[in-house]
C-alpha atoms as a PDB file:
ATOM      1  CA  MET A   1      17.181  27.556  -0.083  1.00  0.00           C
ATOM      2  CA  THR A   2      18.324  28.291  -3.659  1.00  0.00           C
ATOM      3  CA  PRO A   3      19.948  31.538  -4.795  1.00  0.00           C
ATOM      4  CA  GLU A   4      16.760  33.425  -5.785  1.00  0.00           C
ATOM      5  CA  ASN A   5      16.207  36.650  -3.865  1.00  0.00           C
ATOM      6  CA  SER A   6      12.513  36.213  -3.526  1.00  0.00           C
ATOM      7  CA  GLN A   7       9.966  35.097  -0.981  1.00  0.00           C
ATOM      8  CA  PRO A   8       9.638  31.306  -1.011  1.00  0.00           C
ATOM      9  CA  SER A   9       6.209  30.031  -1.974  1.00  0.00           C
ATOM     10  CA  LEU A  10       6.893  26.347  -0.827  1.00  0.00           C
ATOM     11  CA  ALA A  11       7.814  24.958   2.531  1.00  0.00           C
ATOM     12  CA  LEU A  12       9.380  21.585   3.115  1.00  0.00           C
ATOM     13  CA  ILE A  13       8.740  20.632   6.712  1.00  0.00           C
ATOM     14  CA  GLY A  14       9.455  17.520   8.920  1.00  0.00           C
ATOM     15  CA  ASP A  15      12.328  15.749  10.464  1.00  0.00           C
ATOM     16  CA  SER A  16      15.647  14.544   9.029  1.00  0.00           C
ATOM     17  CA  HIS A  17      13.608  12.773   6.255  1.00  0.00           C
ATOM     18  CA  ALA A  18      12.478  16.243   5.109  1.00  0.00           C
ATOM     19  CA  HIS A  19      15.991  17.511   5.378  1.00  0.00           C
ATOM     20  CA  HIS A  20      17.425  14.756   3.137  1.00  0.00           C
ATOM     21  CA  LEU A  21      14.955  15.629   0.384  1.00  0.00           C
ATOM     22  CA  ALA A  22      16.243  19.321   0.288  1.00  0.00           C
ATOM     23  CA  PHE A  23      19.117  18.721  -1.929  1.00  0.00           C
ATOM     24  CA  GLY A  24      16.969  17.064  -4.648  1.00  0.00           C
ATOM     25  CA  LEU A  25      14.340  19.697  -4.333  1.00  0.00           C
ATOM     26  CA  GLN A  26      16.981  22.486  -4.649  1.00  0.00           C
ATOM     27  CA  LYS A  27      18.555  20.831  -7.737  1.00  0.00           C
ATOM     28  CA  ASN A  28      15.407  19.758  -9.490  1.00  0.00           C
ATOM     29  CA  TRP A  29      12.713  22.338  -8.670  1.00  0.00           C
ATOM     30  CA  GLY A  30      14.973  25.349  -8.965  1.00  0.00           C
ATOM     31  CA  LYS A  31      12.983  27.825  -7.024  1.00  0.00           C
ATOM     32  CA  GLN A  32      13.383  29.237  -3.582  1.00  0.00           C
ATOM     33  CA  PHE A  33      11.831  27.256  -0.646  1.00  0.00           C
ATOM     34  CA  LEU A  34      11.806  27.131   3.066  1.00  0.00           C
ATOM     35  CA  LEU A  35      13.192  24.072   4.931  1.00  0.00           C
ATOM     36  CA  ILE A  36      11.942  23.973   8.438  1.00  0.00           C
ATOM     37  CA  GLY A  37      11.220  21.341  11.155  1.00  0.00           C
ATOM     38  CA  HIS A  38      12.702  19.543  14.012  1.00  0.00           C
ATOM     39  CA  PRO A  39      14.748  16.218  14.448  1.00  0.00           C
ATOM     40  CA  GLY A  40      13.014  12.946  15.264  1.00  0.00           C
ATOM     41  CA  THR A  41       9.476  14.530  15.158  1.00  0.00           C
ATOM     42  CA  PRO A  42       6.756  14.043  12.594  1.00  0.00           C
ATOM     43  CA  PRO A  43       5.288  17.238  11.066  1.00  0.00           C
ATOM     44  CA  VAL A  44       2.104  17.371  13.194  1.00  0.00           C
ATOM     45  CA  LYS A  45       1.102  19.458  16.111  1.00  0.00           C
ATOM     46  CA  GLY A  46       1.018  17.974  19.632  1.00  0.00           C
ATOM     47  CA  ILE A  47       3.997  15.588  19.600  1.00  0.00           C
ATOM     48  CA  ILE A  48       7.355  16.159  21.365  1.00  0.00           C
ATOM     49  CA  SER A  49      10.308  13.892  20.841  1.00  0.00           C
ATOM     50  CA  LEU A  50      11.857  13.777  24.269  1.00  0.00           C
ATOM     51  CA  LYS A  51      15.119  12.634  22.751  1.00  0.00           C
ATOM     52  CA  HIS A  52      15.465  15.997  20.906  1.00  0.00           C
ATOM     53  CA  GLU A  53      13.360  18.384  22.977  1.00  0.00           C
ATOM     54  CA  LYS A  54      12.475  18.840  26.676  1.00  0.00           C
ATOM     55  CA  SER A  55       8.869  18.575  27.877  1.00  0.00           C
ATOM     56  CA  SER A  56       6.875  21.554  26.746  1.00  0.00           C
ATOM     57  CA  LYS A  57       3.386  22.944  26.207  1.00  0.00           C
ATOM     58  CA  GLN A  58       4.548  24.552  22.937  1.00  0.00           C
ATOM     59  CA  PRO A  59       6.368  21.907  20.958  1.00  0.00           C
ATOM     60  CA  LEU A  60       9.029  23.098  18.452  1.00  0.00           C
ATOM     61  CA  MET A  61       7.329  21.294  15.564  1.00  0.00           C
ATOM     62  CA  SER A  62       4.083  23.077  16.350  1.00  0.00           C
ATOM     63  CA  LYS A  63       5.992  26.398  16.220  1.00  0.00           C
ATOM     64  CA  ALA A  64       7.536  25.442  12.905  1.00  0.00           C
ATOM     65  CA  LEU A  65       4.073  24.619  11.557  1.00  0.00           C
ATOM     66  CA  ASP A  66       2.703  27.857  12.823  1.00  0.00           C
ATOM     67  CA  THR A  67       5.496  29.663  11.003  1.00  0.00           C
ATOM     68  CA  VAL A  68       4.296  28.198   7.832  1.00  0.00           C
ATOM     69  CA  ILE A  69       0.548  28.465   8.484  1.00  0.00           C
ATOM     70  CA  ASN A  70       0.838  32.192   9.273  1.00  0.00           C
ATOM     71  CA  ASP A  71       2.993  32.977   6.226  1.00  0.00           C
ATOM     72  CA  PRO A  72       0.638  34.105   3.370  1.00  0.00           C
ATOM     73  CA  ASP A  73       3.380  33.751   0.795  1.00  0.00           C
ATOM     74  CA  ILE A  74       3.705  29.996   1.445  1.00  0.00           C
ATOM     75  CA  LYS A  75       1.226  28.371  -0.863  1.00  0.00           C
ATOM     76  CA  THR A  76       2.418  24.849  -0.955  1.00  0.00           C
ATOM     77  CA  VAL A  77       3.557  22.596   2.122  1.00  0.00           C
ATOM     78  CA  VAL A  78       5.412  19.342   1.708  1.00  0.00           C
ATOM     79  CA  LEU A  79       5.223  17.165   4.764  1.00  0.00           C
ATOM     80  CA  SER A  80       7.930  14.473   4.999  1.00  0.00           C
ATOM     81  CA  ALA A  81       8.982  12.311   7.920  1.00  0.00           C
ATOM     82  CA  ARG A  82      10.375   8.992   9.059  1.00  0.00           C
ATOM     83  CA  TRP A  83       6.696   8.268  10.007  1.00  0.00           C
ATOM     84  CA  HIS A  84       7.438   4.785  11.520  1.00  0.00           C
ATOM     85  CA  TYR A  85       9.803   6.317  14.078  1.00  0.00           C
ATOM     86  CA  PHE A  86       6.955   7.609  16.046  1.00  0.00           C
ATOM     87  CA  VAL A  87       4.575   4.846  15.277  1.00  0.00           C
ATOM     88  CA  ASN A  88       6.990   2.124  16.441  1.00  0.00           C
ATOM     89  CA  SER A  89       8.224   4.226  19.488  1.00  0.00           C
ATOM     90  CA  LYS A  90       8.112   3.059  23.045  1.00  0.00           C
ATOM     91  CA  LYS A  91       6.222   4.722  25.894  1.00  0.00           C
ATOM     92  CA  GLY A  92       8.298   7.606  27.187  1.00  0.00           C
ATOM     93  CA  ASP A  93      10.124   8.423  23.886  1.00  0.00           C
ATOM     94  CA  PHE A  94       7.501  11.104  23.060  1.00  0.00           C
ATOM     95  CA  GLN A  95       5.342  13.501  24.956  1.00  0.00           C
ATOM     96  CA  LEU A  96       1.760  13.732  23.643  1.00  0.00           C
ATOM     97  CA  LEU A  97      -0.576  16.708  24.319  1.00  0.00           C
ATOM     98  CA  ASP A  98      -3.706  14.734  23.306  1.00  0.00           C
ATOM     99  CA  TYR A  99      -4.936  11.179  22.354  1.00  0.00           C
ATOM    100  CA  LYS A 100      -2.700   9.535  25.058  1.00  0.00           C
ATOM    101  CA  ASN A 101      -4.793   6.499  25.281  1.00  0.00           C
ATOM    102  CA  ASP A 102      -4.780   5.662  21.576  1.00  0.00           C
ATOM    103  CA  SER A 103      -2.175   3.525  19.780  1.00  0.00           C
ATOM    104  CA  ASN A 104       0.591   5.473  18.172  1.00  0.00           C
ATOM    105  CA  LEU A 105      -0.754   4.675  14.638  1.00  0.00           C
ATOM    106  CA  ILE A 106      -4.193   6.191  15.535  1.00  0.00           C
ATOM    107  CA  THR A 107      -2.691   9.102  17.313  1.00  0.00           C
ATOM    108  CA  LEU A 108      -0.593  10.016  14.291  1.00  0.00           C
ATOM    109  CA  GLY A 109      -3.559   9.764  12.028  1.00  0.00           C
ATOM    110  CA  LYS A 110      -5.700  12.091  14.176  1.00  0.00           C
ATOM    111  CA  LEU A 111      -2.917  14.636  14.562  1.00  0.00           C
ATOM    112  CA  LEU A 112      -2.009  14.487  10.846  1.00  0.00           C
ATOM    113  CA  SER A 113      -5.711  15.097  10.030  1.00  0.00           C
ATOM    114  CA  GLN A 114      -5.843  18.034  12.401  1.00  0.00           C
ATOM    115  CA  THR A 115      -2.641  19.570  11.006  1.00  0.00           C
ATOM    116  CA  ILE A 116      -3.658  19.200   7.416  1.00  0.00           C
ATOM    117  CA  SER A 117      -6.992  20.602   8.131  1.00  0.00           C
ATOM    118  CA  GLU A 118      -5.326  23.758   9.609  1.00  0.00           C
ATOM    119  CA  LEU A 119      -3.143  24.117   6.639  1.00  0.00           C
ATOM    120  CA  VAL A 120      -5.927  23.633   4.164  1.00  0.00           C
ATOM    121  CA  MET A 121      -8.094  26.210   6.077  1.00  0.00           C
ATOM    122  CA  HIS A 122      -5.199  28.720   5.455  1.00  0.00           C
ATOM    123  CA  LYS A 123      -5.325  27.923   1.727  1.00  0.00           C
ATOM    124  CA  LYS A 124      -2.143  25.816   1.518  1.00  0.00           C
ATOM    125  CA  LYS A 125      -1.787  23.037  -0.948  1.00  0.00           C
ATOM    126  CA  VAL A 126      -0.410  20.021   0.996  1.00  0.00           C
ATOM    127  CA  ILE A 127       1.797  17.245  -0.384  1.00  0.00           C
ATOM    128  CA  VAL A 128       2.527  14.304   1.920  1.00  0.00           C
ATOM    129  CA  VAL A 129       5.455  12.129   1.166  1.00  0.00           C
ATOM    130  CA  LEU A 130       5.450   8.543   1.992  1.00  0.00           C
ATOM    131  CA  ASP A 131       8.805   7.567   3.295  1.00  0.00           C
ATOM    132  CA  VAL A 132      11.650   5.720   1.449  1.00  0.00           C
ATOM    133  CA  PRO A 133      12.229   2.163   2.767  1.00  0.00           C
ATOM    134  CA  GLN A 134      14.621   1.518   5.537  1.00  0.00           C
ATOM    135  CA  ILE A 135      17.274  -0.752   4.027  1.00  0.00           C
ATOM    136  CA  PRO A 136      18.453  -4.128   5.594  1.00  0.00           C
ATOM    137  CA  LEU A 137      22.052  -3.679   4.669  1.00  0.00           C
ATOM    138  CA  ASN A 138      25.117  -1.461   5.003  1.00  0.00           C
ATOM    139  CA  PRO A 139      25.181   0.844   1.968  1.00  0.00           C
ATOM    140  CA  LYS A 140      28.847   1.328   2.274  1.00  0.00           C
ATOM    141  CA  ASN A 141      29.365  -2.310   1.243  1.00  0.00           C
ATOM    142  CA  CYS A 142      27.852  -1.424  -2.098  1.00  0.00           C
ATOM    143  CA  ILE A 143      30.849   0.723  -3.111  1.00  0.00           C
ATOM    144  CA  LYS A 144      33.759  -0.862  -4.898  1.00  0.00           C
ATOM    145  CA  SER A 145      37.073   0.045  -3.138  1.00  0.00           C
ATOM    146  CA  ARG A 146      40.660  -0.827  -4.023  1.00  0.00           C
ATOM    147  CA  PRO A 147      42.815  -2.605  -3.202  1.00  0.00           C
ATOM    148  CA  LEU A 148      40.724  -4.361  -0.562  1.00  0.00           C
ATOM    149  CA  GLN A 149      37.505  -4.744  -2.556  1.00  0.00           C
ATOM    150  CA  THR A 150      37.084  -4.910  -6.331  1.00  0.00           C
ATOM    151  CA  THR A 151      33.383  -5.948  -6.488  1.00  0.00           C
ATOM    152  CA  ALA A 152      30.481  -4.546  -4.599  1.00  0.00           C
ATOM    153  CA  GLY A 153      28.187  -6.665  -2.497  1.00  0.00           C
ATOM    154  CA  ASN A 154      24.496  -7.381  -3.012  1.00  0.00           C
ATOM    155  CA  CYS A 155      22.800  -3.993  -3.059  1.00  0.00           C
ATOM    156  CA  THR A 156      19.217  -4.888  -3.739  1.00  0.00           C
ATOM    157  CA  PHE A 157      16.482  -6.137  -1.467  1.00  0.00           C
ATOM    158  CA  GLN A 158      12.868  -7.384  -1.740  1.00  0.00           C
ATOM    159  CA  GLU A 159      10.340  -4.513  -1.293  1.00  0.00           C
ATOM    160  CA  ASP A 160       8.427  -6.758   1.215  1.00  0.00           C
ATOM    161  CA  GLN A 161      11.403  -6.654   3.480  1.00  0.00           C
ATOM    162  CA  ARG A 162      10.286  -3.148   4.432  1.00  0.00           C
ATOM    163  CA  ARG A 163       9.157  -3.552   8.040  1.00  0.00           C
ATOM    164  CA  ASN A 164       8.300  -0.882  10.559  1.00  0.00           C
ATOM    165  CA  ASN A 165       4.578  -0.999   9.782  1.00  0.00           C
ATOM    166  CA  ASP A 166       5.164   1.022   6.491  1.00  0.00           C
ATOM    167  CA  ALA A 167       2.057  -0.566   4.776  1.00  0.00           C
ATOM    168  CA  LYS A 168      -0.294   0.278   7.684  1.00  0.00           C
ATOM    169  CA  ILE A 169       1.255   3.901   7.885  1.00  0.00           C
ATOM    170  CA  ASN A 170       0.887   4.460   4.179  1.00  0.00           C
ATOM    171  CA  GLU A 171      -2.720   3.233   4.269  1.00  0.00           C
ATOM    172  CA  MET A 172      -3.467   5.623   7.163  1.00  0.00           C
ATOM    173  CA  ILE A 173      -2.001   8.555   5.407  1.00  0.00           C
ATOM    174  CA  GLY A 174      -3.882   7.727   2.240  1.00  0.00           C
ATOM    175  CA  LYS A 175      -7.202   7.657   4.173  1.00  0.00           C
ATOM    176  CA  VAL A 176      -6.536  10.989   5.855  1.00  0.00           C
ATOM    177  CA  ALA A 177      -5.545  12.560   2.508  1.00  0.00           C
ATOM    178  CA  LYS A 178      -8.789  11.445   0.920  1.00  0.00           C
ATOM    179  CA  ASN A 179     -10.688  13.772   3.139  1.00  0.00           C
ATOM    180  CA  PHE A 180      -9.082  16.910   1.585  1.00  0.00           C
ATOM    181  CA  SER A 181      -9.317  17.794  -2.069  1.00  0.00           C
ATOM    182  CA  SER A 182      -6.207  19.933  -2.110  1.00  0.00           C
ATOM    183  CA  VAL A 183      -3.928  17.150  -0.591  1.00  0.00           C
ATOM    184  CA  THR A 184      -1.710  14.824  -2.643  1.00  0.00           C
ATOM    185  CA  VAL A 185       0.183  11.900  -1.492  1.00  0.00           C
ATOM    186  CA  VAL A 186       3.461  10.809  -3.277  1.00  0.00           C
ATOM    187  CA  ASP A 187       5.460   7.729  -2.564  1.00  0.00           C
ATOM    188  CA  ALA A 188       9.221   8.359  -2.400  1.00  0.00           C
ATOM    189  CA  SER A 189       9.846   4.560  -2.369  1.00  0.00           C
ATOM    190  CA  LYS A 190       8.793   4.411  -6.091  1.00  0.00           C
ATOM    191  CA  ALA A 191      12.082   6.069  -6.937  1.00  0.00           C
ATOM    192  CA  ILE A 192      14.057   3.461  -5.025  1.00  0.00           C
ATOM    193  CA  CYS A 193      11.875   0.260  -5.752  1.00  0.00           C
ATOM    194  CA  ASP A 194      10.696  -1.177  -9.065  1.00  0.00           C
ATOM    195  CA  GLN A 195       8.525  -4.277  -9.420  1.00  0.00           C
ATOM    196  CA  GLY A 196       9.147  -5.456  -5.786  1.00  0.00           C
ATOM    197  CA  ILE A 197      12.932  -4.819  -5.901  1.00  0.00           C
ATOM    198  CA  CYS A 198      14.601  -2.004  -4.168  1.00  0.00           C
ATOM    199  CA  PHE A 199      18.103  -0.628  -5.161  1.00  0.00           C
ATOM    200  CA  VAL A 200      20.640   1.015  -2.865  1.00  0.00           C
ATOM    201  CA  GLU A 201      23.023   2.083  -5.725  1.00  0.00           C
ATOM    202  CA  ASP A 202      22.918   3.038  -9.310  1.00  0.00           C
ATOM    203  CA  GLY A 203      25.319   0.504 -10.825  1.00  0.00           C
ATOM    204  CA  VAL A 204      28.137   2.876 -11.348  1.00  0.00           C
ATOM    205  CA  ASN A 205      29.412   2.999  -7.788  1.00  0.00           C
ATOM    206  CA  SER A 206      27.072   5.798  -6.460  1.00  0.00           C
ATOM    207  CA  ILE A 207      24.889   4.826  -3.489  1.00  0.00           C
ATOM    208  CA  TYR A 208      21.391   6.210  -2.624  1.00  0.00           C
ATOM    209  CA  TYR A 209      21.777   5.884   1.161  1.00  0.00           C
ATOM    210  CA  HIS A 210      24.493   6.913   3.611  1.00  0.00           C
ATOM    211  CA  ASP A 211      23.067   4.794   6.389  1.00  0.00           C
ATOM    212  CA  ASP A 212      19.983   2.479   6.734  1.00  0.00           C
ATOM    213  CA  ASN A 213      17.441   5.250   6.320  1.00  0.00           C
ATOM    214  CA  HIS A 214      18.886   8.540   5.159  1.00  0.00           C
ATOM    215  CA  LEU A 215      19.310   9.431   1.516  1.00  0.00           C
ATOM    216  CA  THR A 216      22.692  10.644   0.011  1.00  0.00           C
ATOM    217  CA  ASN A 217      22.588  13.607  -2.304  1.00  0.00           C
ATOM    218  CA  LYS A 218      22.415  11.087  -5.102  1.00  0.00           C
ATOM    219  CA  GLY A 219      19.378   9.442  -3.546  1.00  0.00           C
ATOM    220  CA  SER A 220      17.705  12.828  -2.913  1.00  0.00           C
ATOM    221  CA  ASP A 221      18.227  13.904  -6.493  1.00  0.00           C
ATOM    222  CA  LEU A 222      16.735  10.620  -7.765  1.00  0.00           C
ATOM    223  CA  VAL A 223      13.671  10.738  -5.471  1.00  0.00           C
ATOM    224  CA  LEU A 224      12.730  14.473  -6.139  1.00  0.00           C
ATOM    225  CA  SER A 225      13.277  14.073  -9.869  1.00  0.00           C
ATOM    226  CA  LYS A 226      10.845  11.207  -9.873  1.00  0.00           C
ATOM    227  CA  ILE A 227       8.236  13.131  -7.768  1.00  0.00           C
ATOM    228  CA  LEU A 228       8.613  16.246  -9.809  1.00  0.00           C
ATOM    229  CA  GLN A 229       8.042  14.243 -12.998  1.00  0.00           C
ATOM    230  CA  GLN A 230       4.524  13.700 -11.630  1.00  0.00           C
ATOM    231  CA  GLY A 231       3.981  17.461 -11.598  1.00  0.00           C
ATOM    232  CA  LYS A 232       2.843  17.538  -8.023  1.00  0.00           C
ATOM    233  CA  PHE A 233       4.472  20.711  -7.094  1.00  0.00           C
END
């Protein structure tokens, strides 16, 4: 992505929560990058979302990761996902190639550690993105519309309303990352939430979400501009 005719040095990999960051990265980073991954699947090896992929010994996300791992021009890898989707999944939603007797949270931690280890071994700088919060309201109600609606509804919520085991997941990712000196963790929710209050719109009738968990281009722009201000890429 981006118009430069050069080999990308960065790969953004994951599920739809990697895809919804692509607009913001394209707009704010301004360099060519590779967007690759698979729906409904965290960016680790050994997990298959049976909703999006048939049972297999070679999962598509594993193939996507191998593409990045084996590309010497890719120096930085950004891992982004709706992490809780796997952690909170029911038995039968996913096929696991290993750690079948562990909890989903423990399994994800082990597979993330293995995946990062392989990326680092191939001299990749790794950035792991903690997910934006899933919102407890319909973002469309935040837009003023005429003639039926002249004022928008309440478009903020308490950060502690974030459910889905987010705190435990973020803690796990942080512990995994501490084992690798070349791994950085960034929290996308910091662009949406401030001092315990999370915002769904910008106050001038532009919303950050188009459903309860996916960012609009406006939201993507906001999140990536905040992340890039930290100089992580």
